[in-house]
Amino acid sequence: MYITDVFEERLQTVARETGATAVDPAEIYDVDMDIFSPCALGGSLNDDTLSRLQCAVIAGAANNQLEDDERHGSMIMEKGIIYAPDFLINAGGVMHVYAEYAGGYQKSWSMHQAERIYDTCLAVLDRAAEEGIPSQQVAMQMAMDRITAMGKVKLSY
């Protein structure tokens, strides 16, 4: 396992505690790996880094990982890398906040909603493969379709 962090002291501490190999942030894109998981910096997937990246899957917790959604989503697909869009796999946090905001918070509801992320992610990846379009594009279209459908629902209070 390889790890990196912009804070050198933190990087070395975690490496010692976990046995992971610490890599300089500028060099992480050159490491041959199975899964690349960007978890802090937005825009880290761009022309330079994608040309160097050697992985089968990109799935991380950073927001806005693609510097340019359209361009870099296509580059990822062309490289044959499976990309789990950030806003999709990170949706659990938003669901939890909604449950708290709406009142009557129930952990079971939040957990049920979060568990559905897996199936939604599979649906996005399947549709992207079937249609030959980037998973980022599919996820955005599915999100827009859902927003449009919800806009047609009449709420009564």
C-alpha atoms as a PDB file:
ATOM      1  CA  MET A   1       0.000   0.000   0.000  1.00  0.00           C
ATOM      2  CA  TYR A   2       1.237   3.455  -0.937  1.00  0.00           C
ATOM      3  CA  ILE A   3       0.182   6.677   0.732  1.00  0.00           C
ATOM      4  CA  THR A   4       0.909  10.348   0.324  1.00  0.00           C
ATOM      5  CA  ASP A   5       0.075  13.597   2.049  1.00  0.00           C
ATOM      6  CA  VAL A   6       1.139  17.208   1.626  1.00  0.00           C
ATOM      7  CA  PHE A   7       2.035  17.246   5.330  1.00  0.00           C
ATOM      8  CA  GLU A   8       5.313  15.321   5.544  1.00  0.00           C
ATOM      9  CA  GLU A   9       5.180  14.704   9.307  1.00  0.00           C
ATOM     10  CA  ARG A  10       1.653  13.271   9.093  1.00  0.00           C
ATOM     11  CA  LEU A  11       2.666  11.151   6.100  1.00  0.00           C
ATOM     12  CA  GLN A  12       5.622   9.622   7.948  1.00  0.00           C
ATOM     13  CA  THR A  13       3.558   8.990  11.092  1.00  0.00           C
ATOM     14  CA  VAL A  14       0.812   7.151   9.197  1.00  0.00           C
ATOM     15  CA  ALA A  15       3.382   5.204   7.191  1.00  0.00           C
ATOM     16  CA  ARG A  16       5.063   4.017  10.415  1.00  0.00           C
ATOM     17  CA  GLU A  17       1.737   3.138  12.048  1.00  0.00           C
ATOM     18  CA  THR A  18       0.336   1.227   9.065  1.00  0.00           C
ATOM     19  CA  GLY A  19       3.424  -0.159   7.360  1.00  0.00           C
ATOM     20  CA  ALA A  20       2.459   1.651   4.147  1.00  0.00           C
ATOM     21  CA  THR A  21       5.074   3.053   1.804  1.00  0.00           C
ATOM     22  CA  ALA A  22       5.218   6.842   1.891  1.00  0.00           C
ATOM     23  CA  VAL A  23       5.429   8.517  -1.516  1.00  0.00           C
ATOM     24  CA  ASP A  24       5.979  12.187  -2.315  1.00  0.00           C
ATOM     25  CA  PRO A  25       2.700  13.802  -3.476  1.00  0.00           C
ATOM     26  CA  ALA A  26       4.228  14.718  -6.847  1.00  0.00           C
ATOM     27  CA  GLU A  27       5.260  11.100  -7.451  1.00  0.00           C
ATOM     28  CA  ILE A  28       2.107   9.203  -6.406  1.00  0.00           C
ATOM     29  CA  TYR A  29       0.787   9.281  -9.979  1.00  0.00           C
ATOM     30  CA  ASP A  30       3.785   7.258 -11.178  1.00  0.00           C
ATOM     31  CA  VAL A  31       3.214   4.335  -8.807  1.00  0.00           C
ATOM     32  CA  ASP A  32       1.811   1.131 -10.342  1.00  0.00           C
ATOM     33  CA  MET A  33      -1.308   0.459  -8.243  1.00  0.00           C
ATOM     34  CA  ASP A  34      -4.697  -1.229  -8.397  1.00  0.00           C
ATOM     35  CA  ILE A  35      -6.826   1.557  -6.899  1.00  0.00           C
ATOM     36  CA  PHE A  36      -6.084   5.260  -6.799  1.00  0.00           C
ATOM     37  CA  SER A  37      -8.061   6.968  -4.064  1.00  0.00           C
ATOM     38  CA  PRO A  38      -7.741  10.771  -4.105  1.00  0.00           C
ATOM     39  CA  CYS A  39      -9.081  11.925  -0.765  1.00  0.00           C
ATOM     40  CA  ALA A  40      -8.178  15.548  -0.235  1.00  0.00           C
ATOM     41  CA  LEU A  41      -7.342  17.710  -3.229  1.00  0.00           C
ATOM     42  CA  GLY A  42      -9.844  18.653  -5.896  1.00  0.00           C
ATOM     43  CA  GLY A  43      -8.668  18.863  -9.499  1.00  0.00           C
ATOM     44  CA  SER A  44      -5.965  16.269  -8.934  1.00  0.00           C
ATOM     45  CA  LEU A  45      -7.032  14.350 -12.049  1.00  0.00           C
ATOM     46  CA  ASN A  46      -5.858  16.444 -14.973  1.00  0.00           C
ATOM     47  CA  ASP A  47      -3.855  16.253 -18.205  1.00  0.00           C
ATOM     48  CA  ASP A  48      -0.531  15.746 -16.417  1.00  0.00           C
ATOM     49  CA  THR A  49      -1.608  13.290 -13.740  1.00  0.00           C
ATOM     50  CA  LEU A  50      -3.878  11.171 -15.928  1.00  0.00           C
ATOM     51  CA  SER A  51      -1.121  10.655 -18.467  1.00  0.00           C
ATOM     52  CA  ARG A  52       1.028   9.197 -15.663  1.00  0.00           C
ATOM     53  CA  LEU A  53      -1.593   7.295 -13.665  1.00  0.00           C
ATOM     54  CA  GLN A  54      -1.301   3.492 -13.670  1.00  0.00           C
ATOM     55  CA  CYS A  55      -4.326   1.949 -11.991  1.00  0.00           C
ATOM     56  CA  ALA A  56      -7.456  -0.064 -12.705  1.00  0.00           C
ATOM     57  CA  VAL A  57      -9.865   1.962 -10.547  1.00  0.00           C
ATOM     58  CA  ILE A  58     -10.212   5.532  -9.300  1.00  0.00           C
ATOM     59  CA  ALA A  59     -12.447   5.843  -6.240  1.00  0.00           C
ATOM     60  CA  GLY A  60     -11.815   8.474  -3.613  1.00  0.00           C
ATOM     61  CA  ALA A  61     -13.363  10.885  -1.166  1.00  0.00           C
ATOM     62  CA  ALA A  62     -12.041  14.176  -2.580  1.00  0.00           C
ATOM     63  CA  ASN A  63     -14.634  16.468  -4.118  1.00  0.00           C
ATOM     64  CA  ASN A  64     -14.260  17.659  -7.705  1.00  0.00           C
ATOM     65  CA  GLN A  65     -11.448  15.250  -8.527  1.00  0.00           C
ATOM     66  CA  LEU A  66     -11.594  15.966 -12.257  1.00  0.00           C
ATOM     67  CA  GLU A  67     -10.083  19.283 -13.237  1.00  0.00           C
ATOM     68  CA  ASP A  68     -12.437  19.283 -16.250  1.00  0.00           C
ATOM     69  CA  ASP A  69     -15.385  16.876 -15.957  1.00  0.00           C
ATOM     70  CA  GLU A  70     -15.866  16.348 -19.665  1.00  0.00           C
ATOM     71  CA  ARG A  71     -12.262  16.221 -20.832  1.00  0.00           C
ATOM     72  CA  HIS A  72     -10.830  14.211 -17.975  1.00  0.00           C
ATOM     73  CA  GLY A  73     -13.839  11.907 -17.670  1.00  0.00           C
ATOM     74  CA  SER A  74     -13.215  10.945 -21.301  1.00  0.00           C
ATOM     75  CA  MET A  75      -9.473  10.515 -20.713  1.00  0.00           C
ATOM     76  CA  ILE A  76     -10.147   8.120 -17.840  1.00  0.00           C
ATOM     77  CA  MET A  77     -12.506   6.073 -19.993  1.00  0.00           C
ATOM     78  CA  GLU A  78     -10.028   5.996 -22.891  1.00  0.00           C
ATOM     79  CA  LYS A  79      -7.346   4.671 -20.530  1.00  0.00           C
ATOM     80  CA  GLY A  80      -9.697   1.844 -19.536  1.00  0.00           C
ATOM     81  CA  ILE A  81      -9.825   2.944 -15.896  1.00  0.00           C
ATOM     82  CA  ILE A  82     -13.028   2.399 -13.915  1.00  0.00           C
ATOM     83  CA  TYR A  83     -14.020   5.707 -12.323  1.00  0.00           C
ATOM     84  CA  ALA A  84     -16.484   5.936  -9.451  1.00  0.00           C
ATOM     85  CA  PRO A  85     -17.597   9.598  -9.530  1.00  0.00           C
ATOM     86  CA  ASP A  86     -16.785  11.400  -6.309  1.00  0.00           C
ATOM     87  CA  PHE A  87     -20.225  12.883  -5.662  1.00  0.00           C
ATOM     88  CA  LEU A  88     -21.777   9.450  -6.084  1.00  0.00           C
ATOM     89  CA  ILE A  89     -19.614   7.450  -3.720  1.00  0.00           C
ATOM     90  CA  ASN A  90     -19.578  10.307  -1.191  1.00  0.00           C
ATOM     91  CA  ALA A  91     -23.356  10.767  -1.140  1.00  0.00           C
ATOM     92  CA  GLY A  92     -23.789   9.183   2.285  1.00  0.00           C
ATOM     93  CA  GLY A  93     -22.686  12.333   4.081  1.00  0.00           C
ATOM     94  CA  VAL A  94     -25.268  14.466   2.307  1.00  0.00           C
ATOM     95  CA  MET A  95     -27.972  11.909   3.048  1.00  0.00           C
ATOM     96  CA  HIS A  96     -27.064  11.948   6.724  1.00  0.00           C
ATOM     97  CA  VAL A  97     -27.109  15.751   6.888  1.00  0.00           C
ATOM     98  CA  TYR A  98     -30.506  15.788   5.135  1.00  0.00           C
ATOM     99  CA  ALA A  99     -31.917  13.369   7.709  1.00  0.00           C
ATOM    100  CA  GLU A 100     -30.739  15.627  10.528  1.00  0.00           C
ATOM    101  CA  TYR A 101     -31.970  18.792   8.817  1.00  0.00           C
ATOM    102  CA  ALA A 102     -35.399  17.372   7.972  1.00  0.00           C
ATOM    103  CA  GLY A 103     -35.950  16.461  11.606  1.00  0.00           C
ATOM    104  CA  GLY A 104     -36.884  13.163  13.132  1.00  0.00           C
ATOM    105  CA  TYR A 105     -33.427  11.730  12.463  1.00  0.00           C
ATOM    106  CA  GLN A 106     -33.400   7.938  12.283  1.00  0.00           C
ATOM    107  CA  LYS A 107     -30.096   6.166  11.918  1.00  0.00           C
ATOM    108  CA  SER A 108     -31.781   3.206  10.216  1.00  0.00           C
ATOM    109  CA  TRP A 109     -33.096   5.467   7.413  1.00  0.00           C
ATOM    110  CA  SER A 110     -29.666   7.026   6.878  1.00  0.00           C
ATOM    111  CA  MET A 111     -27.980   3.632   6.806  1.00  0.00           C
ATOM    112  CA  HIS A 112     -30.536   2.257   4.343  1.00  0.00           C
ATOM    113  CA  GLN A 113     -29.987   5.219   2.013  1.00  0.00           C
ATOM    114  CA  ALA A 114     -26.201   4.871   2.246  1.00  0.00           C
ATOM    115  CA  GLU A 115     -26.402   1.158   1.445  1.00  0.00           C
ATOM    116  CA  ARG A 116     -28.151   2.027  -1.830  1.00  0.00           C
ATOM    117  CA  ILE A 117     -25.044   3.895  -3.033  1.00  0.00           C
ATOM    118  CA  TYR A 118     -23.438   0.576  -3.990  1.00  0.00           C
ATOM    119  CA  ASP A 119     -26.292  -0.360  -6.337  1.00  0.00           C
ATOM    120  CA  THR A 120     -26.419   3.124  -7.820  1.00  0.00           C
ATOM    121  CA  CYS A 121     -22.684   3.032  -8.456  1.00  0.00           C
ATOM    122  CA  LEU A 122     -23.015  -0.317 -10.222  1.00  0.00           C
ATOM    123  CA  ALA A 123     -25.871   1.059 -12.338  1.00  0.00           C
ATOM    124  CA  VAL A 124     -23.742   4.052 -13.347  1.00  0.00           C
ATOM    125  CA  LEU A 125     -20.743   1.885 -14.236  1.00  0.00           C
ATOM    126  CA  ASP A 126     -22.910  -0.607 -16.159  1.00  0.00           C
ATOM    127  CA  ARG A 127     -24.636   2.131 -18.147  1.00  0.00           C
ATOM    128  CA  ALA A 128     -21.316   3.835 -18.898  1.00  0.00           C
ATOM    129  CA  ALA A 129     -19.914   0.559 -20.231  1.00  0.00           C
ATOM    130  CA  GLU A 130     -23.056  -0.204 -22.268  1.00  0.00           C
ATOM    131  CA  GLU A 131     -23.251   3.254 -23.817  1.00  0.00           C
ATOM    132  CA  GLY A 132     -19.504   3.811 -24.153  1.00  0.00           C
ATOM    133  CA  ILE A 133     -19.579   7.123 -22.293  1.00  0.00           C
ATOM    134  CA  PRO A 134     -17.691   8.302 -19.206  1.00  0.00           C
ATOM    135  CA  SER A 135     -19.142   7.307 -15.835  1.00  0.00           C
ATOM    136  CA  GLN A 136     -18.959  10.958 -14.733  1.00  0.00           C
ATOM    137  CA  GLN A 137     -21.320  11.882 -17.584  1.00  0.00           C
ATOM    138  CA  VAL A 138     -23.732   9.054 -16.731  1.00  0.00           C
ATOM    139  CA  ALA A 139     -23.770   9.970 -13.036  1.00  0.00           C
ATOM    140  CA  MET A 140     -24.428  13.642 -13.834  1.00  0.00           C
ATOM    141  CA  GLN A 141     -27.276  12.724 -16.193  1.00  0.00           C
ATOM    142  CA  MET A 142     -28.848  10.396 -13.649  1.00  0.00           C
ATOM    143  CA  ALA A 143     -28.583  13.106 -10.988  1.00  0.00           C
ATOM    144  CA  MET A 144     -30.169  15.702 -13.280  1.00  0.00           C
ATOM    145  CA  ASP A 145     -32.961  13.277 -14.207  1.00  0.00           C
ATOM    146  CA  ARG A 146     -33.670  12.703 -10.525  1.00  0.00           C
ATOM    147  CA  ILE A 147     -33.671  16.423  -9.748  1.00  0.00           C
ATOM    148  CA  THR A 148     -36.054  17.058 -12.653  1.00  0.00           C
ATOM    149  CA  ALA A 149     -38.373  14.272 -11.497  1.00  0.00           C
ATOM    150  CA  MET A 150     -38.354  15.580  -7.913  1.00  0.00           C
ATOM    151  CA  GLY A 151     -39.212  19.064  -9.205  1.00  0.00           C
ATOM    152  CA  LYS A 152     -42.444  17.651 -10.587  1.00  0.00           C
ATOM    153  CA  VAL A 153     -43.524  16.215  -7.243  1.00  0.00           C
ATOM    154  CA  LYS A 154     -46.120  18.339  -5.509  1.00  0.00           C
ATOM    155  CA  LEU A 155     -45.438  18.618  -1.833  1.00  0.00           C
ATOM    156  CA  SER A 156     -48.210  19.238   0.624  1.00  0.00           C
ATOM    157  CA  TYR A 157     -47.573  20.506   4.092  1.00  0.00           C
END
